[in-house]
Structure formats: structure tokens, C-alpha cells
Protein backbone atom coordinates (compact mmCIF):
# COMPACT_ATOMS: atom_id res chain seq x y z
CA MET A 1 -91.36 -38.27 -32.14
CA THR A 2 -88.35 -38.19 -29.74
CA ASP A 3 -88.34 -35.34 -27.24
CA PRO A 4 -85.07 -33.36 -27.76
CA GLU A 5 -84.89 -32.41 -24.08
CA LYS A 6 -85.31 -36.04 -22.90
CA LEU A 7 -82.74 -37.23 -25.43
CA ALA A 8 -80.21 -34.67 -24.24
CA ALA A 9 -80.85 -35.57 -20.63
CA ALA A 10 -80.28 -39.26 -21.49
CA ARG A 11 -76.99 -38.49 -23.20
CA ALA A 12 -75.81 -36.41 -20.27
CA ALA A 13 -76.61 -39.32 -17.91
CA LEU A 14 -74.70 -41.75 -20.09
CA GLU A 15 -71.72 -39.45 -20.22
CA GLU A 16 -71.71 -39.13 -16.44
CA LEU A 17 -71.77 -42.95 -16.17
CA GLY A 18 -69.05 -43.37 -18.79
CA VAL A 19 -71.29 -45.46 -20.98
CA THR A 20 -71.71 -45.02 -24.73
CA VAL A 21 -74.70 -46.04 -26.91
CA ALA A 22 -72.46 -48.63 -28.51
CA ASP A 23 -71.89 -50.18 -25.09
CA LEU A 24 -75.61 -50.57 -24.67
CA ALA A 25 -76.02 -52.23 -28.05
CA ALA A 26 -73.14 -54.68 -27.49
CA GLU A 27 -73.87 -58.26 -26.41
CA PRO A 28 -72.74 -59.15 -22.86
CA ALA A 29 -69.56 -61.13 -22.74
CA ALA A 30 -70.19 -64.86 -22.42
CA THR A 31 -68.92 -66.57 -19.28
CA VAL A 32 -65.86 -68.63 -20.14
CA VAL A 33 -66.36 -72.11 -18.79
CA PRO A 34 -63.12 -73.59 -17.43
CA THR A 35 -61.73 -77.02 -18.23
CA VAL A 36 -61.84 -79.74 -15.57
CA ALA A 37 -58.09 -79.29 -14.97
CA GLU A 38 -58.46 -75.50 -14.69
CA TYR A 39 -61.35 -75.83 -12.24
CA LEU A 40 -59.90 -78.56 -9.99
CA PRO A 41 -57.70 -76.16 -7.90
CA ARG A 42 -60.76 -74.07 -7.06
CA VAL A 43 -62.69 -77.22 -5.90
CA LEU A 44 -59.67 -78.24 -3.74
CA GLY A 45 -59.51 -74.82 -2.23
CA ALA A 46 -63.13 -74.81 -1.27
CA ALA A 47 -63.19 -78.35 0.11
CA GLY A 48 -62.51 -79.18 3.73
CA PRO A 49 -59.73 -81.53 4.83
CA GLY A 50 -62.15 -84.48 5.06
CA ALA A 51 -63.43 -84.02 1.56
CA ARG A 52 -59.91 -83.64 0.14
CA ARG A 53 -58.83 -86.78 1.89
CA THR A 54 -61.87 -88.78 0.64
CA TYR A 55 -62.32 -87.39 -2.82
CA GLY A 56 -58.88 -86.06 -3.72
CA SER A 57 -57.64 -89.13 -5.52
CA TYR A 58 -60.87 -89.41 -7.52
CA TRP A 59 -60.82 -85.70 -8.49
CA ALA A 60 -57.23 -86.24 -9.71
CA ARG A 61 -58.47 -89.20 -11.75
CA MET A 62 -61.24 -87.02 -13.24
CA ALA A 63 -58.69 -84.35 -14.21
CA GLU A 64 -56.48 -87.04 -15.80
CA ALA A 65 -59.34 -88.41 -17.83
CA TRP A 66 -61.12 -85.11 -18.75
CA GLY A 67 -58.58 -82.42 -18.00
CA THR A 68 -58.74 -80.54 -21.33
CA ARG A 69 -62.51 -80.67 -21.63
CA ARG A 70 -64.79 -77.93 -20.37
CA LEU A 71 -67.19 -78.55 -17.54
CA THR A 72 -70.20 -78.26 -19.91
CA GLU A 73 -68.70 -80.94 -22.22
CA ILE A 74 -68.72 -83.78 -19.71
CA LEU A 75 -71.58 -86.18 -20.25
CA ALA A 76 -73.27 -88.69 -17.95
CA SER A 77 -71.86 -91.47 -20.08
CA ASP A 78 -68.34 -90.10 -19.39
CA VAL A 79 -68.98 -90.35 -15.63
CA GLU A 80 -70.37 -93.81 -15.87
CA ALA A 81 -67.45 -95.02 -18.05
CA LEU A 82 -64.94 -93.65 -15.52
CA GLN A 83 -66.82 -95.23 -12.72
CA ARG A 84 -66.51 -98.66 -14.37
CA GLU A 85 -62.81 -98.10 -15.14
CA VAL A 86 -62.10 -97.15 -11.43
CA ARG A 87 -64.05 -100.12 -10.19
CA ALA A 88 -62.21 -102.52 -12.46
CA ASN A 89 -58.79 -101.15 -11.40
CA ALA A 90 -59.48 -100.91 -7.68
CA LEU A 91 -56.94 -102.43 -5.32
CA VAL A 92 -57.77 -105.89 -4.19
CA ARG A 93 -58.29 -105.85 -0.42
CA ARG A 94 -59.35 -108.55 2.03
CA ASN A 95 -62.45 -106.61 2.91
CA GLY A 96 -63.09 -105.40 -0.69
CA ARG A 97 -66.29 -105.74 -2.61
CA ASP A 98 -64.93 -106.15 -6.17
CA GLY A 99 -64.28 -102.39 -6.46
CA ARG A 100 -67.84 -101.46 -5.55
CA HIS A 101 -66.77 -98.93 -2.98
CA ALA A 102 -64.30 -97.32 -5.39
CA GLY A 103 -67.16 -96.89 -7.94
CA GLU A 104 -69.45 -95.49 -5.26
CA HIS A 105 -66.78 -93.03 -4.09
CA LEU A 106 -66.11 -91.87 -7.73
CA ILE A 107 -69.79 -90.94 -8.16
CA ALA A 108 -69.81 -89.09 -4.80
CA ALA A 109 -66.61 -87.30 -5.74
CA ALA A 110 -68.01 -86.28 -9.13
CA ARG A 111 -71.24 -85.01 -7.58
CA ALA A 112 -69.27 -82.92 -5.09
CA PHE A 113 -67.20 -81.55 -8.01
CA PHE A 114 -70.14 -80.57 -10.14
CA LEU A 115 -72.11 -79.18 -7.21
CA ARG A 116 -69.32 -76.66 -6.84
CA ALA A 117 -69.63 -75.87 -10.56
CA ILE A 118 -73.34 -75.30 -10.10
CA ALA A 119 -72.78 -73.00 -7.10
CA ASP A 120 -70.28 -71.01 -9.22
CA GLY A 121 -72.73 -70.62 -12.11
CA TYR A 122 -70.88 -72.64 -14.73
CA ILE A 123 -73.57 -75.27 -15.26
CA ASP A 124 -77.30 -75.43 -14.61
CA ARG A 125 -78.58 -77.33 -11.65
CA ASP A 126 -80.28 -79.96 -13.80
CA LYS A 127 -77.23 -80.40 -16.09
CA SER A 128 -74.80 -82.03 -13.66
CA PRO A 129 -73.64 -85.21 -15.42
CA ALA A 130 -72.75 -86.84 -12.19
CA HIS A 131 -76.25 -86.58 -10.80
CA LEU A 132 -77.63 -88.25 -13.90
CA VAL A 133 -75.76 -91.46 -13.02
CA ALA A 134 -77.28 -93.65 -10.32
CA LYS A 135 -75.09 -94.03 -7.24
CA PRO A 136 -74.53 -97.73 -6.39
CA ARG A 137 -76.56 -98.90 -3.35
CA ARG A 138 -74.36 -99.29 -0.31
CA LEU A 139 -74.21 -102.94 0.83
CA PRO A 140 -74.53 -103.83 4.47
CA SER A 141 -71.25 -103.77 6.35
CA CYS A 142 -69.46 -107.02 7.20
CA ARG A 143 -68.33 -105.60 10.56
CA ARG A 144 -69.69 -107.22 13.66
CA ALA A 145 -69.13 -107.03 17.43
CA LEU A 146 -66.12 -109.05 18.48
CA LYS A 147 -66.59 -111.85 21.05
CA ALA A 148 -65.05 -111.42 24.48
CA LEU A 149 -62.37 -113.98 23.71
CA GLU A 150 -61.51 -112.42 20.39
CA LEU A 151 -61.20 -108.96 21.98
CA GLU A 152 -58.98 -110.41 24.69
CA GLN A 153 -56.67 -112.08 22.12
CA ILE A 154 -56.37 -108.78 20.17
CA HIS A 155 -55.39 -106.82 23.28
CA LEU A 156 -52.96 -109.51 24.38
CA VAL A 157 -51.09 -109.35 21.07
CA ALA A 158 -51.00 -105.54 21.25
CA ARG A 159 -49.55 -105.64 24.75
CA THR A 160 -46.91 -108.26 24.07
CA THR A 161 -45.59 -107.63 20.57
CA GLY A 162 -44.23 -104.66 18.67
CA ASN A 163 -41.79 -101.91 19.44
CA ASP A 164 -44.07 -99.78 21.57
CA VAL A 165 -46.58 -101.91 23.52
CA VAL A 166 -47.47 -99.05 25.88
CA LEU A 167 -48.77 -96.87 23.03
CA ASP A 168 -50.60 -99.80 21.34
CA ALA A 169 -52.30 -100.89 24.50
CA LEU A 170 -53.44 -97.34 25.24
CA MET A 171 -54.81 -96.89 21.69
CA LEU A 172 -56.91 -100.07 21.81
CA ARG A 173 -58.12 -99.33 25.36
CA LEU A 174 -59.16 -95.84 24.44
CA HIS A 175 -61.19 -97.07 21.41
CA THR A 176 -62.68 -99.88 23.45
CA GLU A 177 -63.88 -97.63 26.29
CA THR A 178 -65.06 -94.72 24.19
CA ALA A 179 -66.04 -96.30 20.87
CA CYS A 180 -64.35 -93.37 19.18
CA ARG A 181 -63.14 -93.26 15.66
CA ARG A 182 -59.50 -93.01 14.48
CA GLY A 183 -59.89 -89.28 13.96
CA GLY A 184 -61.07 -88.70 17.49
CA ALA A 185 -57.99 -90.42 18.95
CA LEU A 186 -55.56 -88.72 16.62
CA LYS A 187 -57.02 -85.20 17.47
CA LEU A 188 -56.94 -85.82 21.25
CA ARG A 189 -54.95 -82.99 22.98
CA LEU A 190 -54.03 -82.38 26.59
CA MET A 191 -56.77 -79.74 26.93
CA ASP A 192 -59.24 -82.42 25.91
CA LEU A 193 -58.43 -84.59 28.94
CA ASP A 194 -60.21 -84.21 32.29
CA THR A 195 -58.51 -86.58 34.65
CA HIS A 196 -60.56 -85.51 37.65
CA ARG A 197 -63.98 -86.18 36.17
CA GLY A 198 -62.90 -89.05 33.83
CA LEU A 199 -63.67 -87.34 30.54
CA VAL A 200 -62.15 -86.86 27.11
CA ARG A 201 -63.33 -84.29 24.49
CA LEU A 202 -63.68 -86.05 21.11
CA ARG A 203 -63.61 -84.08 17.87
CA GLU A 204 -64.78 -86.33 15.08
CA LYS A 205 -66.19 -86.31 11.61
CA GLY A 206 -68.82 -83.69 10.68
CA GLU A 207 -67.00 -81.26 13.10
CA THR A 208 -68.85 -82.87 16.03
CA VAL A 209 -67.49 -82.26 19.48
CA ARG A 210 -68.53 -84.14 22.67
CA TRP A 211 -67.28 -85.01 26.11
CA GLN A 212 -67.02 -88.79 26.49
CA PRO A 213 -66.62 -90.61 29.83
CA ILE A 214 -63.57 -92.79 30.32
CA SER A 215 -62.45 -94.63 33.43
CA LEU A 216 -60.29 -92.68 35.86
CA ASP A 217 -57.54 -95.22 35.51
CA LEU A 218 -57.36 -94.71 31.73
CA ALA A 219 -57.53 -90.92 32.12
CA THR A 220 -54.55 -91.04 34.48
CA ARG A 221 -52.53 -93.33 32.27
CA LEU A 222 -53.23 -91.11 29.17
CA ALA A 223 -52.05 -88.03 31.06
CA GLU A 224 -48.87 -89.82 32.35
CA HIS A 225 -48.17 -91.13 28.86
CA ALA A 226 -48.40 -87.64 27.27
CA GLN A 227 -46.21 -86.13 30.04
CA VAL A 228 -43.46 -88.74 29.86
CA ARG A 229 -43.32 -88.35 26.07
CA GLY A 230 -42.97 -84.58 25.99
CA GLY A 231 -46.57 -83.34 26.10
CA ALA A 232 -46.46 -80.01 27.94
CA ILE A 233 -48.71 -77.35 26.52
CA PRO A 234 -52.58 -77.70 26.28
CA THR A 235 -52.53 -78.13 22.45
CA ASP A 236 -49.96 -81.00 22.48
CA SER A 237 -51.25 -84.38 21.38
CA VAL A 238 -51.96 -87.04 24.04
CA LEU A 239 -50.98 -90.11 22.11
CA ARG A 240 -47.31 -89.86 21.17
CA TYR A 241 -44.47 -91.96 19.80
CA ARG A 242 -41.33 -92.59 21.87
CA ASN A 243 -39.50 -89.73 20.14
CA GLY A 244 -42.25 -87.33 21.25
CA SER A 245 -43.87 -86.83 17.92
CA ALA A 246 -47.71 -87.04 17.75
CA LEU A 247 -49.41 -90.32 16.72
CA THR A 248 -50.30 -90.77 13.09
CA SER A 249 -52.66 -93.10 11.26
CA ARG A 250 -49.74 -95.13 10.05
CA ARG A 251 -49.46 -96.62 13.58
CA TYR A 252 -52.96 -98.08 13.26
CA ASP A 253 -52.08 -99.77 9.91
CA ASN A 254 -48.93 -101.27 11.36
CA LEU A 255 -50.72 -102.37 14.53
CA TRP A 256 -53.44 -104.30 12.76
CA HIS A 257 -51.03 -105.84 10.29
CA ARG A 258 -48.94 -107.17 13.25
CA ILE A 259 -52.07 -108.46 14.99
CA GLY A 260 -53.14 -110.11 11.77
CA VAL A 261 -49.78 -111.94 11.55
CA GLN A 262 -50.23 -113.29 15.09
CA LEU A 263 -53.99 -113.92 14.69
CA PRO A 264 -54.79 -115.09 11.14
CA TRP A 265 -58.48 -114.73 11.65
CA VAL A 266 -58.02 -111.02 12.16
CA ALA A 267 -56.27 -110.74 8.79
CA ALA A 268 -58.78 -112.95 7.01
CA GLN A 269 -61.78 -110.90 8.14
CA GLY A 270 -60.11 -107.51 7.70
CA ILE A 271 -60.63 -106.52 11.31
CA SER A 272 -59.72 -102.93 12.06
CA THR A 273 -60.18 -100.25 14.79
CA HIS A 274 -63.78 -99.63 13.70
CA TRP A 275 -64.73 -103.15 14.79
CA LEU A 276 -63.97 -102.05 18.34
CA ARG A 277 -66.57 -99.36 17.93
CA HIS A 278 -69.05 -101.97 16.79
CA THR A 279 -68.15 -104.17 19.73
CA THR A 280 -68.57 -101.49 22.41
CA LEU A 281 -71.71 -99.95 21.00
CA THR A 282 -73.38 -103.43 20.61
CA TRP A 283 -72.67 -104.24 24.24
CA ILE A 284 -74.06 -100.90 25.38
CA GLU A 285 -77.18 -101.29 23.29
CA ARG A 286 -77.81 -104.84 24.50
CA HIS A 287 -77.43 -103.87 28.17
CA PHE A 288 -78.66 -100.27 28.35
CA GLY A 289 -80.88 -99.74 25.29
CA TYR A 290 -80.85 -97.74 22.06
CA GLY A 291 -80.90 -94.25 23.59
CA ILE A 292 -77.78 -94.67 25.65
CA ALA A 293 -75.98 -96.43 22.76
CA ARG A 294 -76.84 -93.59 20.47
CA ALA A 295 -75.46 -91.03 22.95
CA TYR A 296 -72.40 -93.30 23.56
CA ALA A 297 -71.70 -93.28 19.82
CA GLY A 298 -71.96 -89.51 19.57
CA HIS A 299 -74.71 -89.74 16.96
CA THR A 300 -76.45 -86.39 16.52
CA ASP A 301 -78.34 -86.96 13.24
CA SER A 302 -82.06 -86.75 13.20
CA GLN A 303 -82.68 -89.42 10.59
CA GLY A 304 -84.98 -92.26 11.48
CA ALA A 305 -88.31 -92.57 13.23
CA ALA A 306 -89.73 -89.48 14.92
CA THR A 307 -89.44 -91.32 18.24
CA THR A 308 -85.61 -90.80 18.15
CA THR A 309 -86.26 -87.13 18.96
CA TYR A 310 -87.32 -88.21 22.44
CA ILE A 311 -84.90 -91.04 23.00
CA LYS A 312 -81.91 -89.18 24.44
CA ALA A 313 -79.41 -89.94 27.14
CA ASP A 314 -77.30 -87.53 29.24
CA LEU A 315 -73.69 -87.68 30.19
CA GLN A 316 -74.52 -89.38 33.51
CA ALA A 317 -76.30 -92.22 31.74
CA VAL A 318 -73.35 -92.77 29.41
CA ALA A 319 -70.98 -92.74 32.42
CA GLY A 320 -73.11 -95.34 34.14
CA ALA A 321 -72.94 -97.59 31.10
CA LEU A 322 -69.19 -97.16 30.99
CA ALA A 323 -68.89 -98.07 34.69
CA ALA A 324 -70.85 -101.25 34.15
CA MET A 325 -68.82 -102.23 31.08
CA THR A 326 -65.40 -101.59 32.70
CA GLY A 327 -66.29 -102.71 36.24
CA GLN A 328 -64.77 -99.45 37.57
CA PRO A 329 -66.79 -96.69 39.35
CA HIS A 330 -67.17 -93.37 37.59
CA PRO A 331 -67.64 -89.98 39.34
CA LEU A 332 -70.40 -88.98 36.93
CA ALA A 333 -72.35 -92.23 37.02
CA GLY A 334 -75.86 -91.82 38.45
């Protein structure tokens, strides 16, 4: 039998909380699962600039195909069908693989999209349709180290053709000496340049930051280039157009197109800036070993054999390798 005093105490407690007995009996409101189109802005807002650049077009394609459907209504077969469609309609490029990369990127984009939905509690961890579709195995890259004569021809075309040979020559020399990526060169600021010690601070993918040795001659020329073209405050870009605006990735596209016109083998093989990275790192590895090549590349991942934990090189070793490659002494070389 219910104790009247306990029942009265319970009612008083409910009144104080502003809760009725009917509220306790009511079913909790179900979470409304958004549609793909409704959820996409949230995914874009949470993604970093690199993810938006890499996956943005694929997320837009997903919204176009499934926009009115809720997240829980997308099936693995839908993801696989869209993957095949994207692969079939991929742009034909000289270095393409019949759309294989486009299909691989679609799966990666879909996985990133549904991982956000899992984190937000809209779908269960084991219900992601993108993770139920196998990601295509990445094929080995066709990139290789350029031969000395090939590299010389590329630099010669850059220095003797085009409407800004000074900028083009500096771009290629910077990539050849440092093996940096496009992003590292585009983000280079005056505060990242140490002309006295022959160093540049590279900020590249994965938010990695490192000081990389360069020849004193290149350091001086970069500083002079920035100054002549309006670089004044520490946050100003080093590489700049004639009008003073900062370098953009479009310059790279135009440069390699022009080189490809002059050197047909460059166009036929789809050679790009990243081939310079392969060239430099291959030379460093052949002459100075894996540890110094790994440090030269700025690799910080721990994947691979456990031995890689102990195979490390310091800045002085990297500077010594640079000095040997360029034939110019470096103040940090041991």
C-alpha cells in the first residue's frame, strides 16, 4: 500500500521541478534525423580547409544525388553506385587512372561525412554506409626522380620563357632545394625566412611546421624578391607577382603547362611540382641514407618498422646534405 506521506513528498518534489506525472509517462521525443542536404552545411563548418578543398566537390555531389533523403536512409549500395558514376564521369587527364582516384576520393569523402554523423549521434557506428563499401586499393605512383638533364631542361625553360621568369625560377629552385610541397611555398611569409642561418619555416599538410635549410644564396634572393615586390611586414608572403599580390596555385598550373609546350615529354608524363620532391629526396636517400631523407622530407609519422623510431636526423645533418647537393657551404652543416 502506498505511503501517503511519501506520495505527498514526491508530488511536492515534482511541483518544485515543474514536472507533472504526465510528463513522466510521455515518451521522449525522437531525434529528427536531417537530410543529406540539411546536414552538409554542418559538415562543411566542422571540416578544416584541407578537407573542404579535397572533399568539397564530392560532398556537393552527394547532396545532389541524395539531398532529400535522411542520413539513415542511405544504403551501401547507394554509395557504391555513386562511386561508379563519379569514376565513369571523371575528367580525362594525362596522369589519370580511368577515374580510379575519383572513385577513391568519393569513398573517402563519404566516410568523412558519415563519421561526422556518427559523432553527432544521428547514426550508429556500425551503420555507416560508406564504411560498408571497400575503398579501392591505391596504385603505386607513376612519379619518379628526374634525371639531371631533365631537371636542367625544366629549369632552363622556366628561366627563359613566360612573363615572369624571376618568379618561376625562384619557385622551382625553392622546391628543388627544400623538396617542399606546393602548400609550403604558398604559405611562406617573411617571418618564415632566416637569411643569416639559411632556413625557411615550412607549414605543410597535417599542420606540420619545420625549419628547412636552404642555401644562403637562395635565402638572400627570396628576401630581395619579396622586398622589391612590396613585402614589408612579417606576415607578407615571400613569393609575389609583379603587381605585389601573393603567389597562387594558378601560377603552378600555368608554369607546367608552358614547360609542357616547350618540352613535350613533360606534358606526356604529367610531370608536376611534386616530381621535384621525388627527385630531391631520391638524391638525398641515395647519398645520405634513409634517416636523413626522412628528415629532409619532413615526415613525422610513426608508421613502418619499429627501427624508424631510432633512425632520426637533426637539422645539422639535413644542412650537410643540402650543402653537398647544391655545392654551396651552409652555416649549420656539421
